[in-house]
Amino acid sequence: MLSPVIDPEGAPFWRYAAQGELRVQACADCGALRFPPRPCCPHCRSFGVEWRPLSGHGRVWSYVVPHPPLLPDYAERAPYNVIVVELVEAPHIRLVGNLVAEAGAPIDSLPAERIRIGARVRFVADPASGLPQWVPERP
């Protein structure tokens, strides 16, 4: 199984995600939310940082269905989906993950035919890896 490359600025994101919580970096001075994490606020140039919890609700902004040849750890699971999610509270922030049937489900647990641009999704974390996943919101 692949794991993320964790840098000092992004480490809190992965720690919270592994606990099933979606948090993004925010400027401690002007409050601007930002992702990916970075040391300096692009709006006010402050180095003050907070990690704000978000609802985890979003919409599918885009998606792709990779087919082999792929990285060896993923080739046997292909085809599977990778979605880009636009967050409800911060539409300028888009996160990547897999749309799955439930937290911890395999990345190929939902057929690609079920994915729709604009579909409502909710953040969950794979309990084994801590990687972000998304599940469809039920109406």
C-alpha atoms as a PDB file:
ATOM      1  CA  MET A   1       0.000   0.000   0.000  1.00  0.00           C
ATOM      2  CA  LEU A   2       1.259   3.447  -0.867  1.00  0.00           C
ATOM      3  CA  SER A   3       1.420   6.102   1.801  1.00  0.00           C
ATOM      4  CA  PRO A   4       1.650   9.874   1.466  1.00  0.00           C
ATOM      5  CA  VAL A   5       4.884  11.814   1.584  1.00  0.00           C
ATOM      6  CA  ILE A   6       4.439  13.893   4.709  1.00  0.00           C
ATOM      7  CA  ASP A   7       6.209  17.231   5.021  1.00  0.00           C
ATOM      8  CA  PRO A   8       6.270  19.382   8.187  1.00  0.00           C
ATOM      9  CA  GLU A   9       3.559  21.779   6.971  1.00  0.00           C
ATOM     10  CA  GLY A  10       1.202  18.980   5.945  1.00  0.00           C
ATOM     11  CA  ALA A  11       1.759  16.610   8.886  1.00  0.00           C
ATOM     12  CA  PRO A  12      -1.237  17.909  10.890  1.00  0.00           C
ATOM     13  CA  PHE A  13      -3.556  17.318   7.908  1.00  0.00           C
ATOM     14  CA  TRP A  14      -2.567  13.639   7.793  1.00  0.00           C
ATOM     15  CA  ARG A  15      -2.753  13.243  11.577  1.00  0.00           C
ATOM     16  CA  TYR A  16      -6.299  14.639  11.673  1.00  0.00           C
ATOM     17  CA  ALA A  17      -7.331  12.616   8.606  1.00  0.00           C
ATOM     18  CA  ALA A  18      -6.123   9.401  10.250  1.00  0.00           C
ATOM     19  CA  GLN A  19      -8.471  10.247  13.132  1.00  0.00           C
ATOM     20  CA  GLY A  20     -11.355  10.690  10.668  1.00  0.00           C
ATOM     21  CA  GLU A  21     -11.388  14.472  10.899  1.00  0.00           C
ATOM     22  CA  LEU A  22     -11.046  16.911   8.021  1.00  0.00           C
ATOM     23  CA  ARG A  23      -9.070  19.996   8.971  1.00  0.00           C
ATOM     24  CA  VAL A  24      -7.356  22.511   6.741  1.00  0.00           C
ATOM     25  CA  GLN A  25      -4.730  25.091   7.452  1.00  0.00           C
ATOM     26  CA  ALA A  26      -5.920  28.619   8.204  1.00  0.00           C
ATOM     27  CA  CYS A  27      -4.084  31.869   8.772  1.00  0.00           C
ATOM     28  CA  ALA A  28      -4.097  32.727  12.469  1.00  0.00           C
ATOM     29  CA  ASP A  29      -4.174  36.440  11.577  1.00  0.00           C
ATOM     30  CA  CYS A  30      -6.562  36.961   8.628  1.00  0.00           C
ATOM     31  CA  GLY A  31      -8.415  33.620   8.855  1.00  0.00           C
ATOM     32  CA  ALA A  32      -7.957  32.653   5.193  1.00  0.00           C
ATOM     33  CA  LEU A  33      -8.228  28.903   4.608  1.00  0.00           C
ATOM     34  CA  ARG A  34      -5.511  27.353   2.468  1.00  0.00           C
ATOM     35  CA  PHE A  35      -4.620  24.026   0.938  1.00  0.00           C
ATOM     36  CA  PRO A  36      -2.116  22.646   0.285  1.00  0.00           C
ATOM     37  CA  PRO A  37      -0.537  23.644   3.598  1.00  0.00           C
ATOM     38  CA  ARG A  38       2.332  26.118   3.470  1.00  0.00           C
ATOM     39  CA  PRO A  39       4.269  28.170   5.987  1.00  0.00           C
ATOM     40  CA  CYS A  40       3.095  31.614   4.895  1.00  0.00           C
ATOM     41  CA  CYS A  41      -0.378  33.012   4.203  1.00  0.00           C
ATOM     42  CA  PRO A  42      -0.650  34.015   0.531  1.00  0.00           C
ATOM     43  CA  HIS A  43      -3.109  36.806   1.464  1.00  0.00           C
ATOM     44  CA  CYS A  44      -1.489  38.668   4.376  1.00  0.00           C
ATOM     45  CA  ARG A  45       1.987  37.042   4.510  1.00  0.00           C
ATOM     46  CA  SER A  46       1.550  35.974   8.146  1.00  0.00           C
ATOM     47  CA  PHE A  47       3.351  32.904   9.446  1.00  0.00           C
ATOM     48  CA  GLY A  48       0.620  32.259  12.049  1.00  0.00           C
ATOM     49  CA  VAL A  49      -1.125  28.928  11.505  1.00  0.00           C
ATOM     50  CA  GLU A  50      -4.267  27.205  12.816  1.00  0.00           C
ATOM     51  CA  TRP A  51      -5.929  23.957  11.749  1.00  0.00           C
ATOM     52  CA  ARG A  52      -9.678  24.474  11.346  1.00  0.00           C
ATOM     53  CA  PRO A  53     -12.175  21.630  11.347  1.00  0.00           C
ATOM     54  CA  LEU A  54     -14.527  21.524   8.385  1.00  0.00           C
ATOM     55  CA  SER A  55     -17.774  19.629   7.909  1.00  0.00           C
ATOM     56  CA  GLY A  56     -16.264  17.281   5.356  1.00  0.00           C
ATOM     57  CA  HIS A  57     -19.076  17.966   2.890  1.00  0.00           C
ATOM     58  CA  GLY A  58     -18.290  18.678  -0.719  1.00  0.00           C
ATOM     59  CA  ARG A  59     -19.181  18.093  -4.349  1.00  0.00           C
ATOM     60  CA  VAL A  60     -17.427  16.081  -7.015  1.00  0.00           C
ATOM     61  CA  TRP A  61     -15.627  18.679  -9.112  1.00  0.00           C
ATOM     62  CA  SER A  62     -13.890  16.227 -11.438  1.00  0.00           C
ATOM     63  CA  TYR A  63     -12.859  12.599 -11.662  1.00  0.00           C
ATOM     64  CA  VAL A  64     -10.750  10.144 -13.609  1.00  0.00           C
ATOM     65  CA  VAL A  65     -10.747   6.362 -13.933  1.00  0.00           C
ATOM     66  CA  PRO A  66      -7.142   5.152 -14.319  1.00  0.00           C
ATOM     67  CA  HIS A  67      -6.430   1.965 -16.248  1.00  0.00           C
ATOM     68  CA  PRO A  68      -3.167  -0.036 -16.337  1.00  0.00           C
ATOM     69  CA  PRO A  69      -0.255   0.403 -16.637  1.00  0.00           C
ATOM     70  CA  LEU A  70      -0.072   2.067 -13.240  1.00  0.00           C
ATOM     71  CA  LEU A  71       2.049   1.992 -10.138  1.00  0.00           C
ATOM     72  CA  PRO A  72       2.344  -1.696  -9.174  1.00  0.00           C
ATOM     73  CA  ASP A  73       0.435  -1.270  -5.891  1.00  0.00           C
ATOM     74  CA  TYR A  74      -2.571   0.074  -7.770  1.00  0.00           C
ATOM     75  CA  ALA A  75      -2.492  -1.856 -11.062  1.00  0.00           C
ATOM     76  CA  GLU A  76      -4.271  -4.912  -9.648  1.00  0.00           C
ATOM     77  CA  ARG A  77      -7.180  -2.743  -8.438  1.00  0.00           C
ATOM     78  CA  ALA A  78      -7.720  -0.929 -11.741  1.00  0.00           C
ATOM     79  CA  PRO A  79      -9.941   0.386 -13.010  1.00  0.00           C
ATOM     80  CA  TYR A  80     -10.856   2.526 -10.009  1.00  0.00           C
ATOM     81  CA  ASN A  81     -11.875   6.153  -9.495  1.00  0.00           C
ATOM     82  CA  VAL A  82      -9.988   9.201  -8.304  1.00  0.00           C
ATOM     83  CA  ILE A  83     -12.171  12.205  -7.573  1.00  0.00           C
ATOM     84  CA  VAL A  84     -11.477  15.874  -6.982  1.00  0.00           C
ATOM     85  CA  VAL A  85     -13.801  17.329  -4.344  1.00  0.00           C
ATOM     86  CA  GLU A  86     -14.696  20.989  -3.960  1.00  0.00           C
ATOM     87  CA  LEU A  87     -15.343  21.707  -0.273  1.00  0.00           C
ATOM     88  CA  VAL A  88     -18.658  23.340   0.688  1.00  0.00           C
ATOM     89  CA  GLU A  89     -17.118  25.773   3.209  1.00  0.00           C
ATOM     90  CA  ALA A  90     -14.184  26.633   0.971  1.00  0.00           C
ATOM     91  CA  PRO A  91     -14.973  26.146  -2.739  1.00  0.00           C
ATOM     92  CA  HIS A  92     -11.471  27.316  -3.671  1.00  0.00           C
ATOM     93  CA  ILE A  93     -10.063  24.245  -1.871  1.00  0.00           C
ATOM     94  CA  ARG A  94     -10.166  20.985  -3.768  1.00  0.00           C
ATOM     95  CA  LEU A  95      -9.042  17.664  -2.326  1.00  0.00           C
ATOM     96  CA  VAL A  96      -8.287  14.376  -4.057  1.00  0.00           C
ATOM     97  CA  GLY A  97      -9.390  10.916  -2.945  1.00  0.00           C
ATOM     98  CA  ASN A  98     -11.411   7.896  -3.947  1.00  0.00           C
ATOM     99  CA  LEU A  99     -15.196   7.627  -3.934  1.00  0.00           C
ATOM    100  CA  VAL A 100     -15.955   4.466  -1.957  1.00  0.00           C
ATOM    101  CA  ALA A 101     -19.045   2.654  -0.697  1.00  0.00           C
ATOM    102  CA  GLU A 102     -18.050   3.182   2.963  1.00  0.00           C
ATOM    103  CA  ALA A 103     -15.010   4.132   5.034  1.00  0.00           C
ATOM    104  CA  GLY A 104     -12.269   1.588   4.496  1.00  0.00           C
ATOM    105  CA  ALA A 105     -13.882   0.060   1.418  1.00  0.00           C
ATOM    106  CA  PRO A 106     -11.597  -0.794  -1.499  1.00  0.00           C
ATOM    107  CA  ILE A 107     -10.912   1.987  -3.994  1.00  0.00           C
ATOM    108  CA  ASP A 108     -12.844   0.029  -6.623  1.00  0.00           C
ATOM    109  CA  SER A 109     -15.944  -0.473  -4.405  1.00  0.00           C
ATOM    110  CA  LEU A 110     -18.163   1.860  -6.463  1.00  0.00           C
ATOM    111  CA  PRO A 111     -18.530   1.529 -10.215  1.00  0.00           C
ATOM    112  CA  ALA A 112     -17.357   4.557 -12.187  1.00  0.00           C
ATOM    113  CA  GLU A 113     -20.778   4.755 -13.850  1.00  0.00           C
ATOM    114  CA  ARG A 114     -22.209   6.001 -10.533  1.00  0.00           C
ATOM    115  CA  ILE A 115     -19.957   9.075 -10.372  1.00  0.00           C
ATOM    116  CA  ARG A 116     -21.492  12.391 -11.365  1.00  0.00           C
ATOM    117  CA  ILE A 117     -19.928  15.842 -11.492  1.00  0.00           C
ATOM    118  CA  GLY A 118     -21.652  17.904  -8.796  1.00  0.00           C
ATOM    119  CA  ALA A 119     -22.663  14.877  -6.705  1.00  0.00           C
ATOM    120  CA  ARG A 120     -22.615  15.509  -2.982  1.00  0.00           C
ATOM    121  CA  VAL A 121     -20.006  13.590  -1.025  1.00  0.00           C
ATOM    122  CA  ARG A 122     -18.742  13.393   2.550  1.00  0.00           C
ATOM    123  CA  PHE A 123     -15.203  12.954   3.868  1.00  0.00           C
ATOM    124  CA  VAL A 124     -14.221   9.727   5.613  1.00  0.00           C
ATOM    125  CA  ALA A 125     -10.814   8.257   6.260  1.00  0.00           C
ATOM    126  CA  ASP A 126      -9.631   4.762   5.484  1.00  0.00           C
ATOM    127  CA  PRO A 127      -9.159   3.303   8.978  1.00  0.00           C
ATOM    128  CA  ALA A 128      -6.156   1.224   7.872  1.00  0.00           C
ATOM    129  CA  SER A 129      -4.152   3.879   6.007  1.00  0.00           C
ATOM    130  CA  GLY A 130      -5.618   7.193   7.204  1.00  0.00           C
ATOM    131  CA  LEU A 131      -5.924   8.277   3.575  1.00  0.00           C
ATOM    132  CA  PRO A 132      -8.845  10.553   2.688  1.00  0.00           C
ATOM    133  CA  GLN A 133     -11.805   8.851   1.092  1.00  0.00           C
ATOM    134  CA  TRP A 134     -15.223  10.140   0.107  1.00  0.00           C
ATOM    135  CA  VAL A 135     -18.641   8.510   0.325  1.00  0.00           C
ATOM    136  CA  PRO A 136     -21.796   9.578  -1.496  1.00  0.00           C
ATOM    137  CA  GLU A 137     -24.201  11.616   0.615  1.00  0.00           C
ATOM    138  CA  ARG A 138     -27.641  10.161   0.752  1.00  0.00           C
ATOM    139  CA  PRO A 139     -30.519  12.500  -0.111  1.00  0.00           C
END
